[in-house]
Protein backbone atom coordinates (compact mmCIF):
# COMPACT_ATOMS: atom_id res chain seq x y z
CA MET A 1 0.00 0.00 0.00
CA GLU A 2 1.24 3.47 -0.87
CA GLN A 3 2.65 5.48 2.03
CA HIS A 4 0.15 8.33 1.75
CA LEU A 5 -2.74 5.85 2.08
CA THR A 6 -1.14 4.16 5.08
CA GLN A 7 -0.75 7.56 6.73
CA LEU A 8 -4.30 8.63 5.87
CA LEU A 9 -5.84 5.44 7.27
CA ALA A 10 -3.76 5.68 10.45
CA GLU A 11 -4.87 9.30 10.84
CA MET A 12 -8.52 8.30 10.35
CA GLU A 13 -8.19 5.47 12.88
CA GLN A 14 -6.78 7.79 15.53
CA HIS A 15 -9.23 10.62 14.82
CA GLY A 16 -12.17 8.22 14.90
CA ARG A 17 -11.17 6.83 18.29
CA GLU A 18 -10.61 10.28 19.79
CA TYR A 19 -13.79 11.74 18.29
CA ASP A 20 -15.96 8.84 19.48
CA ALA A 21 -14.53 9.11 22.99
CA ARG A 22 -15.69 12.75 23.15
CA GLU A 23 -19.01 12.46 21.30
CA THR A 24 -21.99 11.57 23.50
CA GLU A 25 -24.62 11.22 20.76
CA HIS A 26 -24.42 7.72 19.29
CA THR A 27 -25.64 8.67 15.80
CA ARG A 28 -22.86 11.24 15.43
CA LYS A 29 -20.04 8.82 16.32
CA MET A 30 -17.83 7.56 13.49
CA LEU A 31 -17.84 3.96 14.75
CA ASN A 32 -15.08 2.88 12.40
CA LEU A 33 -14.11 -0.73 11.90
CA GLU A 34 -11.32 -2.08 14.02
CA PRO A 35 -8.11 -1.99 11.94
CA ASP A 36 -7.78 -5.79 11.78
CA THR A 37 -11.42 -6.11 10.68
CA ALA A 38 -10.86 -3.50 7.98
CA ARG A 39 -7.85 -5.40 6.68
CA LEU A 40 -9.79 -8.68 6.64
CA VAL A 41 -12.69 -7.06 4.75
CA HIS A 42 -10.16 -5.71 2.24
CA ILE A 43 -8.51 -9.12 1.84
CA LEU A 44 -11.87 -10.81 1.26
CA ALA A 45 -12.96 -8.21 -1.28
CA ARG A 46 -9.63 -8.29 -3.07
CA SER A 47 -9.18 -12.06 -3.14
CA SER A 48 -12.73 -12.58 -4.43
CA ARG A 49 -12.03 -10.14 -7.28
CA ALA A 50 -15.23 -8.27 -6.46
CA LYS A 51 -16.28 -5.70 -9.05
CA ARG A 52 -19.58 -4.48 -7.62
CA ILE A 53 -19.64 -3.85 -3.86
CA LEU A 54 -22.47 -2.44 -1.78
CA GLU A 55 -21.60 -0.93 1.60
CA ILE A 56 -24.39 -0.05 4.01
CA GLY A 57 -22.91 2.51 6.41
CA THR A 58 -20.37 4.96 4.96
CA SER A 59 -19.57 6.99 8.09
CA ASN A 60 -16.33 8.91 7.46
CA GLY A 61 -15.27 6.59 4.63
CA TYR A 62 -12.69 4.53 6.53
CA SER A 63 -14.06 1.14 5.47
CA THR A 64 -15.04 2.59 2.08
CA ILE A 65 -11.38 3.32 1.37
CA TRP A 66 -10.43 -0.28 2.14
CA LEU A 67 -13.18 -1.56 -0.20
CA ALA A 68 -12.32 0.94 -2.93
CA LEU A 69 -8.69 -0.17 -2.81
CA ALA A 70 -9.88 -3.68 -3.61
CA VAL A 71 -12.01 -2.70 -6.62
CA THR A 72 -9.28 -0.57 -8.21
CA GLU A 73 -7.70 -3.88 -9.27
CA THR A 74 -10.88 -5.03 -11.03
CA GLY A 75 -12.03 -1.69 -12.41
CA GLY A 76 -15.04 -2.03 -10.15
CA LEU A 77 -17.27 0.27 -8.14
CA VAL A 78 -18.24 0.59 -4.48
CA THR A 79 -21.75 1.90 -3.85
CA THR A 80 -21.94 3.19 -0.30
CA ILE A 81 -25.02 4.35 1.60
CA ASP A 82 -25.37 6.58 4.64
CA GLN A 83 -28.27 8.70 5.83
CA SER A 84 -26.01 11.40 7.33
CA ALA A 85 -25.12 14.22 4.93
CA GLU A 86 -22.48 15.39 7.40
CA LYS A 87 -20.71 12.04 7.50
CA GLN A 88 -20.87 11.64 3.73
CA ALA A 89 -19.26 15.05 3.28
CA ILE A 90 -16.39 13.91 5.52
CA ALA A 91 -16.18 10.62 3.63
CA ARG A 92 -16.08 12.40 0.28
CA GLU A 93 -13.15 14.52 1.48
CA ASN A 94 -11.29 11.45 2.76
CA LEU A 95 -11.90 9.53 -0.47
CA GLN A 96 -10.66 12.54 -2.42
CA ARG A 97 -7.50 12.61 -0.31
CA ALA A 98 -7.06 8.90 -0.94
CA GLY A 99 -7.45 9.38 -4.70
CA LEU A 100 -10.30 6.85 -4.75
CA LEU A 101 -13.38 8.99 -5.26
CA ASP A 102 -13.79 7.78 -8.87
CA SER A 103 -14.20 4.21 -7.59
CA VAL A 104 -17.09 5.09 -5.27
CA GLU A 105 -20.76 5.99 -5.76
CA MET A 106 -22.11 7.76 -2.68
CA LEU A 107 -25.83 7.64 -1.89
CA GLN A 108 -27.40 9.57 0.99
CA ALA A 109 -30.51 7.76 2.21
CA ARG A 110 -31.83 5.31 4.75
CA ALA A 111 -30.75 1.84 3.68
CA GLY A 112 -34.24 0.44 4.16
CA THR A 113 -35.57 2.98 1.68
CA ILE A 114 -32.97 2.85 -1.07
CA VAL A 115 -32.04 -0.85 -1.32
CA ARG A 116 -35.33 -1.52 -3.12
CA GLU A 117 -34.26 0.87 -5.88
CA LEU A 118 -30.77 -0.57 -6.37
CA VAL A 119 -30.27 -2.75 -9.43
CA GLY A 120 -27.09 -4.72 -8.75
CA PRO A 121 -25.86 -7.33 -9.27
CA TYR A 122 -23.46 -7.18 -6.34
CA ASP A 123 -20.47 -9.44 -5.73
CA LEU A 124 -20.16 -8.34 -2.11
CA VAL A 125 -22.45 -6.65 0.39
CA PHE A 126 -21.06 -5.22 3.61
CA PHE A 127 -23.58 -4.50 6.37
CA ASP A 128 -22.11 -1.96 8.79
CA ALA A 129 -25.14 0.07 9.90
CA ASP A 130 -28.76 -0.49 10.95
CA ARG A 131 -28.11 -3.89 12.50
CA ILE A 132 -31.77 -4.38 13.34
CA GLY A 133 -32.88 -3.66 9.77
CA ALA A 134 -30.14 -5.78 8.19
CA ALA A 135 -32.30 -8.91 7.89
CA ALA A 136 -34.98 -7.05 5.94
CA ASN A 137 -32.36 -5.43 3.72
CA LEU A 138 -30.78 -8.83 3.09
CA GLU A 139 -34.10 -10.25 1.92
CA ILE A 140 -34.48 -7.41 -0.58
CA LEU A 141 -30.89 -7.75 -1.81
CA LEU A 142 -30.78 -11.54 -2.29
CA PRO A 143 -32.15 -11.43 -5.85
CA LYS A 144 -29.57 -8.73 -6.64
CA LEU A 145 -26.51 -10.83 -5.77
CA THR A 146 -24.14 -12.59 -8.15
CA PRO A 147 -23.91 -16.41 -8.03
CA SER A 148 -20.66 -16.25 -6.04
CA ALA A 149 -21.56 -13.48 -3.61
CA LEU A 150 -20.00 -12.58 -0.28
CA LEU A 151 -22.05 -11.19 2.60
CA LEU A 152 -20.18 -9.46 5.42
CA ALA A 153 -21.56 -7.93 8.61
CA ASP A 154 -19.72 -6.29 11.50
CA ASN A 155 -20.59 -6.06 15.24
CA VAL A 156 -21.68 -9.69 15.52
CA LEU A 157 -19.99 -10.18 18.89
CA SER A 158 -20.35 -6.63 20.22
CA HIS A 159 -24.11 -6.30 19.51
CA PRO A 160 -25.48 -9.86 19.36
CA GLU A 161 -29.07 -8.95 20.24
CA GLU A 162 -29.35 -6.26 17.57
CA ILE A 163 -27.89 -8.41 14.78
CA ALA A 164 -29.56 -11.68 15.78
CA GLY A 165 -32.23 -11.32 13.11
CA TYR A 166 -29.63 -10.95 10.38
CA LEU A 167 -27.61 -13.94 11.59
CA GLY A 168 -30.76 -16.04 11.77
CA ALA A 169 -31.64 -15.08 8.20
CA VAL A 170 -28.15 -15.89 6.92
CA LYS A 171 -28.12 -19.30 8.61
CA LYS A 172 -31.33 -20.20 6.77
CA LEU A 173 -29.70 -19.60 3.38
CA GLU A 174 -28.73 -23.15 2.46
CA GLU A 175 -26.66 -22.09 -0.54
CA PHE A 176 -24.37 -19.96 1.66
CA GLU A 177 -21.53 -21.15 3.86
CA HIS A 178 -21.29 -19.03 7.00
CA VAL A 179 -18.78 -18.38 9.77
CA VAL A 180 -18.32 -15.75 12.46
CA VAL A 181 -14.73 -14.58 12.68
CA PRO A 182 -13.72 -13.32 16.16
CA VAL A 183 -11.83 -10.30 14.87
CA GLY A 184 -12.52 -6.79 16.13
CA LYS A 185 -16.18 -6.62 17.12
CA GLY A 186 -16.98 -9.86 15.32
CA LEU A 187 -17.34 -10.28 11.55
CA SER A 188 -19.98 -12.48 9.92
CA VAL A 189 -18.76 -13.95 6.62
CA ALA A 190 -21.14 -15.79 4.29
CA TYR A 191 -20.22 -17.08 0.83
CA ARG A 192 -22.35 -18.44 -1.97
CA GLY A 193 -20.38 -20.25 -4.62
CA ALA A 194 -20.24 -23.38 -6.72
CA ARG A 195 -19.67 -26.46 -4.61
CA PRO A 196 -16.79 -28.72 -5.62
CA ALA A 197 -17.68 -32.02 -7.22
CA VAL A 198 -17.59 -34.94 -4.79
């Protein structure tokens, strides 16, 4: 990774931690991924050669940068959604600094409202906001996924009650293999792909 990106991400990590420690209103917090989780999400996106990625929860663009780095190798696009105009303005500035703005489509809306309008198909969907509504959003997005799609969701171990509906829905998808990785706040990883011949 280029040095300026390493420095930018480190700066965002530190600023996010310090900002969240001061901010008392939950909806205004940045709530960035833990660094190891961000790196794992990047590795999964990159190794799967994802071209179309949907991120639900832009915040300040920290995770968006990691995803955008992955799609630069495939000529792909990250579509990222956040309902906060303030956070998306910060994210746009950070993506501009990273030189990755051309790889990202930014949509300001509630995920539950806009996912119905999205066309897809998506190779990877990353759920990182609205944990309670994630199950409903997943149901809407299933027909918009590619045959070998990856589904990722953060905060599985830190907020088990809120994300229980999503995990229950994923476990019912027989065509997906699923595992919870105990990294950061807990990352759910589900993969739908061709099964090897027996």
